[in-house]
Structure formats: structure tokens, C-alpha cells
Amino acid sequence: MTETDSQSTPAARRERPGWLAIAFIAVCVLTAVALYVGGVRMVHRPSLRPAIAILPFTAVTADADAGRFGSSLATQLTGALRHASELRVVDSAPDVMVLGNVDRAAGHLLVTARLVRTANRYQLWAHTYEFDPPGDSAALAQTIATAVRAELHILPDM
């Protein structure tokens, strides 16, 4: 081995570990980025739209007409709130729910609707409506839906 060979060999050996370290770091960074991007796609992100459930409106008395009206009103209210694109109407695990009562008094139906946050059972809004039985229950459902959207700060779709 000559003096020139002994001097060039250590220099060549010193250069290789530097490139290997850079290549190793680059592979680690690329792997970390790939795992992060892939992990972000796999993470379940809850929708930003609030989820709402509409429970059947219960009859306060044993009046069969009030019970049928309460069920019909809940169905119509569900349909009216489904039209709000900023709101998800769901059957389970809602953020808020609409519930209410129907009572008969002096030939009128008194409908009480409440909007309740499910996490802490906090009542956000409540209102009682007086309704004449031959009247339009769809109009009442629209009125309640408009009030619920306003309370949740959701504009109706045009």
C-alpha cells in the first residue's frame, strides 16, 4: 500500500457515512410525512354541522287525538329541519334535540316545543304555541323549525 492509497482511502470512507446519514434522515422524514398524511385521512372528523334529533311530541293527557297530532307534528318538523343544509337530522347521538308536549285546553291544542343540548341537558329554547285542531299542522311545524334554526343561528336554505 502506497502513501497515496492510505491517504485517499480514509477520505473516501469519511464521505460515505455522511451520505448515508443524509439518506437515512431523508427516508425518515419522508416516512413521517407519509404516516402523518395517511393518518390525517384515517382520523374520523366529526361534522361541523350540528346533529339534531326530533322526538315525538307526547300527549299530556290521555287524548288520542293529541297523541296522533304530536306524532304527526314531529314527523313534519323532521321534514322541515332536513331542508337546512347546515343541520344534520339524526336518530341517535345528537348534539341537540327537539322535544315537546301536546295538551288540549278549551278546544285548542297547546303545543310546547323545547330545544335541549344533549351533553348537559341544558334547555336552549322553549315556546308554547296555541293551535286550533282544524288548522294547518304543517304551518306550525314550519314555525317551530324556523324558531329552532334561529336559536341555532342557522339560516334557512333558499
Protein backbone atom coordinates (compact mmCIF):
# COMPACT_ATOMS: atom_id res chain seq x y z
CA MET A 1 0.00 0.00 0.00
CA THR A 2 1.42 3.33 -1.01
CA GLU A 3 1.25 6.58 0.85
CA THR A 4 -1.26 7.95 -1.66
CA ASP A 5 -3.55 4.93 -1.25
CA SER A 6 -3.52 5.19 2.54
CA GLN A 7 -4.48 8.87 2.43
CA SER A 8 -7.29 8.53 -0.17
CA THR A 9 -8.94 5.51 1.44
CA PRO A 10 -9.79 7.16 4.81
CA ALA A 11 -11.15 10.23 2.97
CA ALA A 12 -13.40 8.03 0.84
CA ARG A 13 -14.59 6.22 3.96
CA ARG A 14 -15.38 9.53 5.69
CA GLU A 15 -17.56 10.72 2.78
CA ARG A 16 -19.76 7.62 2.67
CA PRO A 17 -21.10 7.85 6.25
CA GLY A 18 -22.15 11.48 5.60
CA TRP A 19 -24.19 10.49 2.56
CA LEU A 20 -25.63 7.51 4.38
CA ALA A 21 -26.73 9.72 7.25
CA ILE A 22 -28.36 12.20 4.88
CA ALA A 23 -30.13 9.38 3.02
CA PHE A 24 -31.29 7.84 6.31
CA ILE A 25 -32.65 11.18 7.56
CA ALA A 26 -34.41 11.78 4.23
CA VAL A 27 -36.08 8.34 4.40
CA CYS A 28 -37.18 9.01 7.99
CA VAL A 29 -38.63 12.41 7.09
CA LEU A 30 -40.47 11.02 4.07
CA THR A 31 -41.85 8.15 6.17
CA ALA A 32 -43.01 10.55 8.86
CA VAL A 33 -44.74 12.78 6.29
CA ALA A 34 -46.42 9.76 4.66
CA LEU A 35 -47.65 8.48 8.02
CA TYR A 36 -48.93 11.93 9.01
CA VAL A 37 -50.78 12.48 5.73
CA GLY A 38 -52.20 8.95 5.77
CA GLY A 39 -53.16 9.28 9.44
CA VAL A 40 -54.96 12.56 8.85
CA ARG A 41 -57.10 10.88 6.21
CA MET A 42 -57.95 7.98 8.53
CA VAL A 43 -58.92 10.13 11.52
CA HIS A 44 -62.68 10.48 11.89
CA ARG A 45 -63.54 14.15 11.90
CA PRO A 46 -66.95 14.98 13.28
CA SER A 47 -69.07 17.08 11.01
CA LEU A 48 -69.17 20.77 11.78
CA ARG A 49 -72.91 20.70 11.18
CA PRO A 50 -74.81 20.19 14.43
CA ALA A 51 -76.77 16.94 14.71
CA ILE A 52 -80.37 17.23 15.87
CA ALA A 53 -82.97 14.64 16.80
CA ILE A 54 -86.69 15.31 16.89
CA LEU A 55 -88.50 13.22 19.47
CA PRO A 56 -92.24 12.56 19.21
CA PHE A 57 -94.32 15.22 20.93
CA THR A 58 -96.08 13.47 23.82
CA ALA A 59 -99.70 13.99 24.83
CA VAL A 60 -100.02 15.37 28.35
CA THR A 61 -103.49 13.83 28.74
CA ALA A 62 -104.82 10.50 27.50
CA ASP A 63 -106.35 12.27 24.49
CA ALA A 64 -105.79 10.06 21.42
CA ASP A 65 -106.17 13.00 19.02
CA ALA A 66 -103.44 14.95 20.83
CA GLY A 67 -101.16 11.89 20.70
CA ARG A 68 -101.67 11.45 16.95
CA PHE A 69 -101.18 15.17 16.43
CA GLY A 70 -97.91 15.07 18.42
CA SER A 71 -96.54 12.21 16.31
CA SER A 72 -97.60 13.91 13.09
CA LEU A 73 -96.08 17.21 14.20
CA ALA A 74 -92.73 15.54 15.00
CA THR A 75 -92.69 13.93 11.54
CA GLN A 76 -93.47 17.24 9.82
CA LEU A 77 -90.88 19.06 11.94
CA THR A 78 -88.27 16.46 10.98
CA GLY A 79 -89.05 17.08 7.31
CA ALA A 80 -88.89 20.85 7.76
CA LEU A 81 -85.50 20.70 9.51
CA ARG A 82 -84.00 18.30 6.95
CA HIS A 83 -84.10 21.16 4.45
CA ALA A 84 -81.49 23.13 6.43
CA SER A 85 -78.18 22.14 4.83
CA GLU A 86 -76.24 23.35 7.89
CA LEU A 87 -78.06 20.86 10.11
CA ARG A 88 -77.97 17.05 10.29
CA VAL A 89 -81.18 15.34 11.40
CA VAL A 90 -80.21 12.06 13.09
CA ASP A 91 -81.85 9.31 15.12
CA SER A 92 -79.03 8.73 17.60
CA ALA A 93 -76.20 10.66 19.25
CA PRO A 94 -77.49 14.18 18.54
CA ASP A 95 -75.89 17.41 19.74
CA VAL A 96 -79.31 18.92 20.41
CA MET A 97 -82.84 17.58 20.38
CA VAL A 98 -86.32 18.96 19.97
CA LEU A 99 -88.96 17.56 22.24
CA GLY A 100 -92.36 18.72 23.30
CA ASN A 101 -95.83 18.17 24.68
CA VAL A 102 -99.32 18.50 23.30
CA ASP A 103 -102.19 19.38 25.63
CA ARG A 104 -105.86 20.11 24.98
CA ALA A 105 -107.38 23.16 26.66
CA ALA A 106 -110.75 24.78 25.85
CA GLY A 107 -110.94 23.26 22.36
CA HIS A 108 -107.40 24.31 21.46
CA LEU A 109 -104.19 22.33 21.39
CA LEU A 110 -101.30 23.81 23.34
CA VAL A 111 -98.01 22.69 21.84
CA THR A 112 -94.87 23.25 23.89
CA ALA A 113 -91.60 22.75 22.00
CA ARG A 114 -88.18 22.70 23.67
CA LEU A 115 -84.65 22.67 22.25
CA VAL A 116 -82.25 20.87 24.60
CA ARG A 117 -78.47 20.37 24.41
CA THR A 118 -77.91 16.64 24.94
CA ALA A 119 -74.45 16.87 26.54
CA ASN A 120 -75.68 18.64 29.66
CA ARG A 121 -79.49 18.59 29.24
CA TYR A 122 -79.44 22.40 29.15
CA GLN A 123 -82.63 23.88 27.70
CA LEU A 124 -81.65 26.34 24.97
CA TRP A 125 -85.12 27.44 23.96
CA ALA A 126 -88.79 26.77 24.68
CA HIS A 127 -92.05 28.16 23.40
CA THR A 128 -95.75 27.31 23.70
CA TYR A 129 -97.99 27.59 20.66
CA GLU A 130 -101.78 27.62 20.65
CA PHE A 131 -103.20 25.61 17.79
CA ASP A 132 -106.76 25.14 16.57
CA PRO A 133 -107.28 21.48 15.58
CA PRO A 134 -108.70 22.17 12.10
CA GLY A 135 -105.67 24.39 11.39
CA ASP A 136 -102.62 23.57 9.29
CA SER A 137 -100.16 21.49 11.33
CA ALA A 138 -97.52 21.83 8.57
CA ALA A 139 -97.52 25.60 9.12
CA LEU A 140 -96.97 25.03 12.84
CA ALA A 141 -94.09 22.67 12.06
CA GLN A 142 -92.54 25.34 9.80
CA THR A 143 -92.93 27.94 12.56
CA ILE A 144 -91.18 25.69 15.09
CA ALA A 145 -88.47 24.77 12.56
CA THR A 146 -87.81 28.46 11.88
CA ALA A 147 -87.52 29.14 15.62
CA VAL A 148 -85.11 26.20 16.09
CA ARG A 149 -82.93 27.37 13.17
CA ALA A 150 -82.87 30.90 14.60
CA GLU A 151 -81.83 29.60 18.02
CA LEU A 152 -79.02 27.57 16.43
CA HIS A 153 -78.08 30.56 14.24
CA ILE A 154 -78.78 28.64 11.04
CA LEU A 155 -80.25 30.44 8.08
CA PRO A 156 -82.95 28.60 6.14
CA ASP A 157 -81.97 27.38 2.68
CA MET A 158 -83.42 29.43 -0.13
